[in-house]
C-alpha atoms as a PDB file:
ATOM      1  CA  MET A   1     -35.238 -46.782  -2.224  1.00  0.00           C
ATOM      2  CA  GLY A   2     -34.016 -43.255  -1.215  1.00  0.00           C
ATOM      3  CA  LEU A   3     -33.305 -41.211  -4.603  1.00  0.00           C
ATOM      4  CA  CYS A   4     -31.631 -38.130  -4.597  1.00  0.00           C
ATOM      5  CA  LEU A   5     -33.064 -35.846  -7.479  1.00  0.00           C
ATOM      6  CA  PRO A   6     -32.543 -32.046  -7.794  1.00  0.00           C
ATOM      7  CA  CYS A   7     -35.858 -31.881  -9.400  1.00  0.00           C
ATOM      8  CA  LEU A   8     -37.742 -32.609  -6.221  1.00  0.00           C
ATOM      9  CA  GLY A   9     -38.272 -29.601  -4.220  1.00  0.00           C
ATOM     10  CA  GLY A  10     -35.391 -27.618  -2.048  1.00  0.00           C
ATOM     11  CA  ALA A  11     -32.793 -28.764  -4.345  1.00  0.00           C
ATOM     12  CA  ALA A  12     -32.466 -25.622  -6.654  1.00  0.00           C
ATOM     13  CA  GLU A  13     -31.620 -23.435  -3.320  1.00  0.00           C
ATOM     14  CA  ASP A  14     -28.561 -25.564  -2.201  1.00  0.00           C
ATOM     15  CA  VAL A  15     -26.924 -24.848  -5.490  1.00  0.00           C
ATOM     16  CA  VAL A  16     -23.979 -22.485  -5.276  1.00  0.00           C
ATOM     17  CA  GLU A  17     -23.542 -20.102  -8.353  1.00  0.00           C
ATOM     18  CA  THR A  18     -19.850 -19.074  -8.876  1.00  0.00           C
ATOM     19  CA  PRO A  19     -19.375 -15.210  -9.351  1.00  0.00           C
ATOM     20  CA  ASP A  20     -18.737 -13.709 -12.592  1.00  0.00           C
ATOM     21  CA  PRO A  21     -14.916 -13.770 -13.220  1.00  0.00           C
ATOM     22  CA  ASP A  22     -14.615 -10.023 -13.615  1.00  0.00           C
ATOM     23  CA  LEU A  23     -16.432  -9.551 -10.203  1.00  0.00           C
ATOM     24  CA  LYS A  24     -14.083 -12.329  -8.441  1.00  0.00           C
ATOM     25  CA  ARG A  25     -10.825 -10.610  -9.890  1.00  0.00           C
ATOM     26  CA  ARG A  26     -12.172  -7.151  -8.588  1.00  0.00           C
ATOM     27  CA  GLN A  27     -13.151  -8.475  -5.026  1.00  0.00           C
ATOM     28  CA  LEU A  28      -9.650 -10.171  -4.858  1.00  0.00           C
ATOM     29  CA  ALA A  29      -7.911  -6.926  -6.107  1.00  0.00           C
ATOM     30  CA  GLU A  30      -9.685  -5.202  -3.408  1.00  0.00           C
ATOM     31  CA  ALA A  31      -9.030  -7.143  -0.742  1.00  0.00           C
ATOM     32  CA  ALA A  32      -5.351  -7.465  -1.569  1.00  0.00           C
ATOM     33  CA  GLU A  33      -5.132  -3.547  -1.569  1.00  0.00           C
ATOM     34  CA  LYS A  34      -6.887  -3.324   1.786  1.00  0.00           C
ATOM     35  CA  ARG A  35      -4.267  -6.116   3.390  1.00  0.00           C
ATOM     36  CA  GLN A  36      -1.721  -4.068   1.871  1.00  0.00           C
ATOM     37  CA  MET A  37      -2.987  -0.816   3.325  1.00  0.00           C
ATOM     38  CA  GLU A  38      -3.353  -2.584   6.851  1.00  0.00           C
ATOM     39  CA  THR A  39       0.224  -3.995   6.655  1.00  0.00           C
ATOM     40  CA  VAL A  40       1.677  -0.543   5.604  1.00  0.00           C
ATOM     41  CA  ASN A  41      -0.165   1.097   8.508  1.00  0.00           C
ATOM     42  CA  ARG A  42       0.085  -1.508  11.258  1.00  0.00           C
ATOM     43  CA  GLY A  43       1.123  -0.046  14.541  1.00  0.00           C
ATOM     44  CA  ILE A  44       0.411   3.653  13.343  1.00  0.00           C
ATOM     45  CA  LYS A  45      -2.088   5.614  15.064  1.00  0.00           C
ATOM     46  CA  ASN A  46      -2.306   8.233  12.591  1.00  0.00           C
ATOM     47  CA  PRO A  47      -1.253   7.435   9.060  1.00  0.00           C
ATOM     48  CA  THR A  48      -1.874  11.033   7.553  1.00  0.00           C
ATOM     49  CA  SER A  49       0.453  12.656   9.930  1.00  0.00           C
ATOM     50  CA  VAL A  50       3.242  10.056   9.106  1.00  0.00           C
ATOM     51  CA  GLU A  51       2.736  10.600   5.110  1.00  0.00           C
ATOM     52  CA  GLN A  52       2.944  14.662   6.135  1.00  0.00           C
ATOM     53  CA  MET A  53       6.371  13.959   8.050  1.00  0.00           C
ATOM     54  CA  LYS A  54       7.536  11.963   5.252  1.00  0.00           C
ATOM     55  CA  LYS A  55       6.688  14.742   2.537  1.00  0.00           C
ATOM     56  CA  LYS A  56       8.182  17.586   4.827  1.00  0.00           C
ATOM     57  CA  LYS A  57      11.550  15.090   5.341  1.00  0.00           C
ATOM     58  CA  GLU A  58      11.621  14.685   1.544  1.00  0.00           C
ATOM     59  CA  GLU A  59      11.263  18.519   1.003  1.00  0.00           C
ATOM     60  CA  VAL A  60      14.170  19.305   3.373  1.00  0.00           C
ATOM     61  CA  GLU A  61      16.393  16.883   1.784  1.00  0.00           C
ATOM     62  CA  LYS A  62      15.716  18.220  -1.357  1.00  0.00           C
ATOM     63  CA  MET A  63      16.771  21.664  -0.499  1.00  0.00           C
ATOM     64  CA  THR A  64      19.648  20.624   1.420  1.00  0.00           C
ATOM     65  CA  THR A  65      20.780  18.967  -1.572  1.00  0.00           C
ATOM     66  CA  THR A  66      20.010  22.080  -3.908  1.00  0.00           C
ATOM     67  CA  ALA A  67      21.632  24.403  -1.297  1.00  0.00           C
ATOM     68  CA  ALA A  68      24.833  22.697  -1.047  1.00  0.00           C
ATOM     69  CA  PRO A  69      27.598  24.350  -3.128  1.00  0.00           C
ATOM     70  CA  SER A  70      28.343  22.439  -6.560  1.00  0.00           C
ATOM     71  CA  GLY A  71      32.103  23.750  -6.527  1.00  0.00           C
ATOM     72  CA  GLY A  72      34.884  21.175  -6.324  1.00  0.00           C
ATOM     73  CA  GLY A  73      36.636  21.219  -2.869  1.00  0.00           C
ATOM     74  CA  GLY A  74      33.893  21.517  -0.641  1.00  0.00           C
ATOM     75  CA  GLY A  75      33.966  25.180  -0.310  1.00  0.00           C
ATOM     76  CA  GLY A  76      34.213  25.052   3.692  1.00  0.00           C
ATOM     77  CA  LEU A  77      37.044  26.604   6.078  1.00  0.00           C
ATOM     78  CA  ARG A  78      40.415  25.635   5.388  1.00  0.00           C
ATOM     79  CA  TRP A  79      42.823  24.996   8.236  1.00  0.00           C
ATOM     80  CA  GLN A  80      46.160  25.750   8.191  1.00  0.00           C
ATOM     81  CA  VAL A  81      48.849  23.498  10.013  1.00  0.00           C
ATOM     82  CA  GLY A  82      51.772  25.566  11.129  1.00  0.00           C
END
């Protein structure tokens, strides 16, 4: 009756080959990286300006920590009660 043999025309076109494991791994890594970037940048119209603002804020914080007096006691004004 009806036999289904792959050697009869057209069956070779239906075979799906699995990609190389290294290629598959690289594609999955790229997709994960893309998803991560989309998650990080969600709701941000200009991600480069946000990065610049972060860097500037870090620089300001670094300058304030290095500019703070390192002597004990605070080094500020002293109030006299009396």
